Amino acid sequence: MAESSTRFDPLKPAGFVLLLTGWFLVLAALALLTKPAARGAFVAAGLGVESLGLVLVVRSHIAPKPDSMRQEHARPEYIREERN
């Protein structure tokens, strides 16, 4: 019930940190590197870090389905059959 609203989800801050880290990596590559190949590699790496952060942020904001929550805490079939 109220457990899910008070539970700390570490994916949210990790996603935002990755978004900022990727952005700073891109800016640093553009400012510090002069060779186009190195600059392009670091920009691509920064965009990859940003996309990973974006995926984490989006996944942390998606509400879990009620069916998956019930199945997560449900007993396996063989335990339920033994008790009956």
C-alpha atoms as a PDB file:
ATOM      1  CA  MET A   1       0.000   0.000   0.000  1.00  0.00           C
ATOM      2  CA  ALA A   2       2.027   2.951   1.280  1.00  0.00           C
ATOM      3  CA  GLU A   3       5.272   0.981   1.055  1.00  0.00           C
ATOM      4  CA  SER A   4       5.826   1.720  -2.618  1.00  0.00           C
ATOM      5  CA  SER A   5       5.497   5.496  -2.172  1.00  0.00           C
ATOM      6  CA  THR A   6       8.033   5.667   0.674  1.00  0.00           C
ATOM      7  CA  ARG A   7      10.514   3.236  -0.857  1.00  0.00           C
ATOM      8  CA  PHE A   8      13.766   4.796  -2.051  1.00  0.00           C
ATOM      9  CA  ASP A   9      14.531   4.054  -5.694  1.00  0.00           C
ATOM     10  CA  PRO A  10      18.259   4.444  -6.436  1.00  0.00           C
ATOM     11  CA  LEU A  11      17.630   4.490 -10.195  1.00  0.00           C
ATOM     12  CA  LYS A  12      16.280   8.050 -10.131  1.00  0.00           C
ATOM     13  CA  PRO A  13      19.373   9.811  -8.752  1.00  0.00           C
ATOM     14  CA  ALA A  14      21.677   7.504 -10.714  1.00  0.00           C
ATOM     15  CA  GLY A  15      19.858   8.385 -13.931  1.00  0.00           C
ATOM     16  CA  PHE A  16      20.072  12.124 -13.285  1.00  0.00           C
ATOM     17  CA  VAL A  17      23.766  11.849 -12.390  1.00  0.00           C
ATOM     18  CA  LEU A  18      24.426   9.974 -15.630  1.00  0.00           C
ATOM     19  CA  LEU A  19      22.534  12.615 -17.610  1.00  0.00           C
ATOM     20  CA  LEU A  20      24.688  15.369 -16.123  1.00  0.00           C
ATOM     21  CA  THR A  21      27.895  13.363 -16.467  1.00  0.00           C
ATOM     22  CA  GLY A  22      27.240  12.680 -20.139  1.00  0.00           C
ATOM     23  CA  TRP A  23      26.494  16.337 -20.769  1.00  0.00           C
ATOM     24  CA  PHE A  24      29.725  17.469 -19.078  1.00  0.00           C
ATOM     25  CA  LEU A  25      31.683  14.807 -20.993  1.00  0.00           C
ATOM     26  CA  VAL A  26      30.380  16.173 -24.284  1.00  0.00           C
ATOM     27  CA  LEU A  27      31.165  19.759 -23.286  1.00  0.00           C
ATOM     28  CA  ALA A  28      34.656  18.844 -22.098  1.00  0.00           C
ATOM     29  CA  ALA A  29      35.372  16.954 -25.309  1.00  0.00           C
ATOM     30  CA  LEU A  30      34.293  19.905 -27.438  1.00  0.00           C
ATOM     31  CA  ALA A  31      36.314  22.367 -25.364  1.00  0.00           C
ATOM     32  CA  LEU A  32      39.519  20.395 -24.786  1.00  0.00           C
ATOM     33  CA  LEU A  33      40.072  18.111 -27.761  1.00  0.00           C
ATOM     34  CA  THR A  34      41.275  19.386 -31.118  1.00  0.00           C
ATOM     35  CA  LYS A  35      41.525  16.253 -33.261  1.00  0.00           C
ATOM     36  CA  PRO A  36      38.199  15.410 -34.907  1.00  0.00           C
ATOM     37  CA  ALA A  37      38.527  11.650 -34.306  1.00  0.00           C
ATOM     38  CA  ALA A  38      39.162  11.997 -30.571  1.00  0.00           C
ATOM     39  CA  ARG A  39      36.502  14.673 -30.242  1.00  0.00           C
ATOM     40  CA  GLY A  40      33.961  12.512 -32.056  1.00  0.00           C
ATOM     41  CA  ALA A  41      34.781   9.475 -29.914  1.00  0.00           C
ATOM     42  CA  PHE A  42      34.331  11.404 -26.671  1.00  0.00           C
ATOM     43  CA  VAL A  43      31.142  13.053 -27.899  1.00  0.00           C
ATOM     44  CA  ALA A  44      29.765   9.625 -28.825  1.00  0.00           C
ATOM     45  CA  ALA A  45      30.742   8.271 -25.397  1.00  0.00           C
ATOM     46  CA  GLY A  46      29.070  11.245 -23.711  1.00  0.00           C
ATOM     47  CA  LEU A  47      25.893  10.749 -25.716  1.00  0.00           C
ATOM     48  CA  GLY A  48      25.935   7.071 -24.769  1.00  0.00           C
ATOM     49  CA  VAL A  49      26.211   7.957 -21.082  1.00  0.00           C
ATOM     50  CA  GLU A  50      23.372  10.453 -21.474  1.00  0.00           C
ATOM     51  CA  SER A  51      21.156   7.892 -23.180  1.00  0.00           C
ATOM     52  CA  LEU A  52      21.840   5.378 -20.411  1.00  0.00           C
ATOM     53  CA  GLY A  53      20.878   8.016 -17.852  1.00  0.00           C
ATOM     54  CA  LEU A  54      17.720   8.832 -19.772  1.00  0.00           C
ATOM     55  CA  VAL A  55      16.731   5.157 -19.847  1.00  0.00           C
ATOM     56  CA  LEU A  56      17.251   4.882 -16.078  1.00  0.00           C
ATOM     57  CA  VAL A  57      15.207   8.007 -15.398  1.00  0.00           C
ATOM     58  CA  VAL A  58      12.338   6.882 -17.625  1.00  0.00           C
ATOM     59  CA  ARG A  59      12.314   3.360 -16.176  1.00  0.00           C
ATOM     60  CA  SER A  60      12.308   4.680 -12.625  1.00  0.00           C
ATOM     61  CA  HIS A  61       9.254   6.842 -13.349  1.00  0.00           C
ATOM     62  CA  ILE A  62       7.170   4.060 -14.896  1.00  0.00           C
ATOM     63  CA  ALA A  63       4.673   2.714 -12.373  1.00  0.00           C
ATOM     64  CA  PRO A  64       4.814  -1.058 -11.880  1.00  0.00           C
ATOM     65  CA  LYS A  65       1.794  -3.049 -12.993  1.00  0.00           C
ATOM     66  CA  PRO A  66      -0.345  -4.451 -10.179  1.00  0.00           C
ATOM     67  CA  ASP A  67      -0.104  -7.984 -11.626  1.00  0.00           C
ATOM     68  CA  SER A  68       3.681  -7.953 -11.576  1.00  0.00           C
ATOM     69  CA  MET A  69       3.683  -6.706  -7.986  1.00  0.00           C
ATOM     70  CA  ARG A  70       1.402  -9.521  -6.889  1.00  0.00           C
ATOM     71  CA  GLN A  71       3.435 -12.149  -8.721  1.00  0.00           C
ATOM     72  CA  GLU A  72       6.648 -10.837  -7.210  1.00  0.00           C
ATOM     73  CA  HIS A  73       5.446 -11.625  -3.679  1.00  0.00           C
ATOM     74  CA  ALA A  74       3.402 -14.710  -4.524  1.00  0.00           C
ATOM     75  CA  ARG A  75       4.445 -18.149  -3.356  1.00  0.00           C
ATOM     76  CA  PRO A  76       5.518 -20.674  -5.973  1.00  0.00           C
ATOM     77  CA  GLU A  77       2.931 -23.245  -7.015  1.00  0.00           C
ATOM     78  CA  TYR A  78       4.650 -26.165  -5.307  1.00  0.00           C
ATOM     79  CA  ILE A  79       4.530 -24.411  -1.900  1.00  0.00           C
ATOM     80  CA  ARG A  80       0.863 -23.494  -2.286  1.00  0.00           C
ATOM     81  CA  GLU A  81      -0.035 -27.084  -3.256  1.00  0.00           C
ATOM     82  CA  GLU A  82       1.703 -28.558  -0.196  1.00  0.00           C
ATOM     83  CA  ARG A  83      -0.289 -26.430   2.237  1.00  0.00           C
ATOM     84  CA  ASN A  84      -3.673 -27.353   0.737  1.00  0.00           C
END
